[in-house]
Amino acid sequence: MSGTPFANCRHQEKWPVYAAYRLAGYVNYHAAQLSGLSTSTSQYRESVIRQLLSERWPALLP
């Protein structure tokens, strides 16, 4: 996952699982619980991703 917003995260094996739940439509809280991540950690990482999206692909955000 180098070169991604997840590059320096701990528990790198859990982030693909988290991403799959989010892409399947689960809200942050449930995706974090199901993938074994803390809600605060997933909220922070989501803010990093939103920032990246707003800079590079703003049309993808509501």
C-alpha atoms as a PDB file:
ATOM      1  CA  MET A   1       0.000   0.000   0.000  1.00  0.00           C
ATOM      2  CA  SER A   2       2.965   2.289  -0.390  1.00  0.00           C
ATOM      3  CA  GLY A   3       2.121   5.545  -2.103  1.00  0.00           C
ATOM      4  CA  THR A   4      -1.412   5.524  -0.696  1.00  0.00           C
ATOM      5  CA  PRO A   5      -3.045   7.256   2.299  1.00  0.00           C
ATOM      6  CA  PHE A   6      -2.635   3.912   4.106  1.00  0.00           C
ATOM      7  CA  ALA A   7       1.146   3.655   3.631  1.00  0.00           C
ATOM      8  CA  ASN A   8       2.170   4.452   7.214  1.00  0.00           C
ATOM      9  CA  CYS A   9      -0.775   2.894   9.009  1.00  0.00           C
ATOM     10  CA  ARG A  10      -0.527   0.152  11.554  1.00  0.00           C
ATOM     11  CA  HIS A  11      -2.501  -3.033  11.012  1.00  0.00           C
ATOM     12  CA  GLN A  12      -2.124  -2.812   7.250  1.00  0.00           C
ATOM     13  CA  GLU A  13      -3.823  -6.166   6.851  1.00  0.00           C
ATOM     14  CA  LYS A  14      -7.071  -4.641   8.186  1.00  0.00           C
ATOM     15  CA  TRP A  15      -7.303  -1.659   5.838  1.00  0.00           C
ATOM     16  CA  PRO A  16      -8.238  -3.618   2.691  1.00  0.00           C
ATOM     17  CA  VAL A  17     -11.014  -5.264   4.703  1.00  0.00           C
ATOM     18  CA  TYR A  18     -12.155  -1.849   5.939  1.00  0.00           C
ATOM     19  CA  ALA A  19     -12.094  -0.448   2.388  1.00  0.00           C
ATOM     20  CA  ALA A  20     -14.165  -3.361   1.112  1.00  0.00           C
ATOM     21  CA  TYR A  21     -16.833  -2.730   3.760  1.00  0.00           C
ATOM     22  CA  ARG A  22     -16.899   0.990   2.944  1.00  0.00           C
ATOM     23  CA  LEU A  23     -17.217   0.272  -0.776  1.00  0.00           C
ATOM     24  CA  ALA A  24     -20.040  -2.154   0.025  1.00  0.00           C
ATOM     25  CA  GLY A  25     -21.935   0.713   1.651  1.00  0.00           C
ATOM     26  CA  TYR A  26     -21.212   0.232   5.341  1.00  0.00           C
ATOM     27  CA  VAL A  27     -20.913   3.414   7.388  1.00  0.00           C
ATOM     28  CA  ASN A  28     -17.557   4.240   8.954  1.00  0.00           C
ATOM     29  CA  TYR A  29     -18.535   2.982  12.417  1.00  0.00           C
ATOM     30  CA  HIS A  30     -19.678  -0.453  11.242  1.00  0.00           C
ATOM     31  CA  ALA A  31     -16.833  -0.897   8.764  1.00  0.00           C
ATOM     32  CA  ALA A  32     -14.337  -0.120  11.536  1.00  0.00           C
ATOM     33  CA  GLN A  33     -15.974  -2.568  13.946  1.00  0.00           C
ATOM     34  CA  LEU A  34     -16.165  -5.365  11.397  1.00  0.00           C
ATOM     35  CA  SER A  35     -12.555  -4.930  10.296  1.00  0.00           C
ATOM     36  CA  GLY A  36     -11.138  -4.652  13.815  1.00  0.00           C
ATOM     37  CA  LEU A  37     -10.130  -0.976  13.702  1.00  0.00           C
ATOM     38  CA  SER A  38     -10.972   1.729  16.192  1.00  0.00           C
ATOM     39  CA  THR A  39     -13.591   4.230  15.105  1.00  0.00           C
ATOM     40  CA  SER A  40     -11.297   7.186  15.789  1.00  0.00           C
ATOM     41  CA  THR A  41      -8.543   5.681  13.641  1.00  0.00           C
ATOM     42  CA  SER A  42     -10.908   5.079  10.750  1.00  0.00           C
ATOM     43  CA  GLN A  43     -12.392   8.570  11.086  1.00  0.00           C
ATOM     44  CA  TYR A  44      -8.942  10.115  10.883  1.00  0.00           C
ATOM     45  CA  ARG A  45      -7.983   8.040   7.848  1.00  0.00           C
ATOM     46  CA  GLU A  46     -11.281   8.939   6.159  1.00  0.00           C
ATOM     47  CA  SER A  47     -10.473  12.622   6.653  1.00  0.00           C
ATOM     48  CA  VAL A  48      -7.105  12.075   4.942  1.00  0.00           C
ATOM     49  CA  ILE A  49      -8.831  10.349   2.031  1.00  0.00           C
ATOM     50  CA  ARG A  50     -11.458  13.088   1.732  1.00  0.00           C
ATOM     51  CA  GLN A  51      -8.727  15.716   1.629  1.00  0.00           C
ATOM     52  CA  LEU A  52      -6.943  13.813  -1.123  1.00  0.00           C
ATOM     53  CA  LEU A  53     -10.171  13.417  -3.095  1.00  0.00           C
ATOM     54  CA  SER A  54     -11.068  17.095  -2.728  1.00  0.00           C
ATOM     55  CA  GLU A  55      -7.671  18.088  -4.109  1.00  0.00           C
ATOM     56  CA  ARG A  56      -7.448  15.607  -6.974  1.00  0.00           C
ATOM     57  CA  TRP A  57     -10.994  14.587  -7.846  1.00  0.00           C
ATOM     58  CA  PRO A  58     -13.487  17.037  -6.293  1.00  0.00           C
ATOM     59  CA  ALA A  59     -16.349  15.798  -8.495  1.00  0.00           C
ATOM     60  CA  LEU A  60     -16.314  12.493  -6.601  1.00  0.00           C
ATOM     61  CA  LEU A  61     -17.407  14.138  -3.349  1.00  0.00           C
ATOM     62  CA  PRO A  62     -20.987  15.096  -2.577  1.00  0.00           C
END
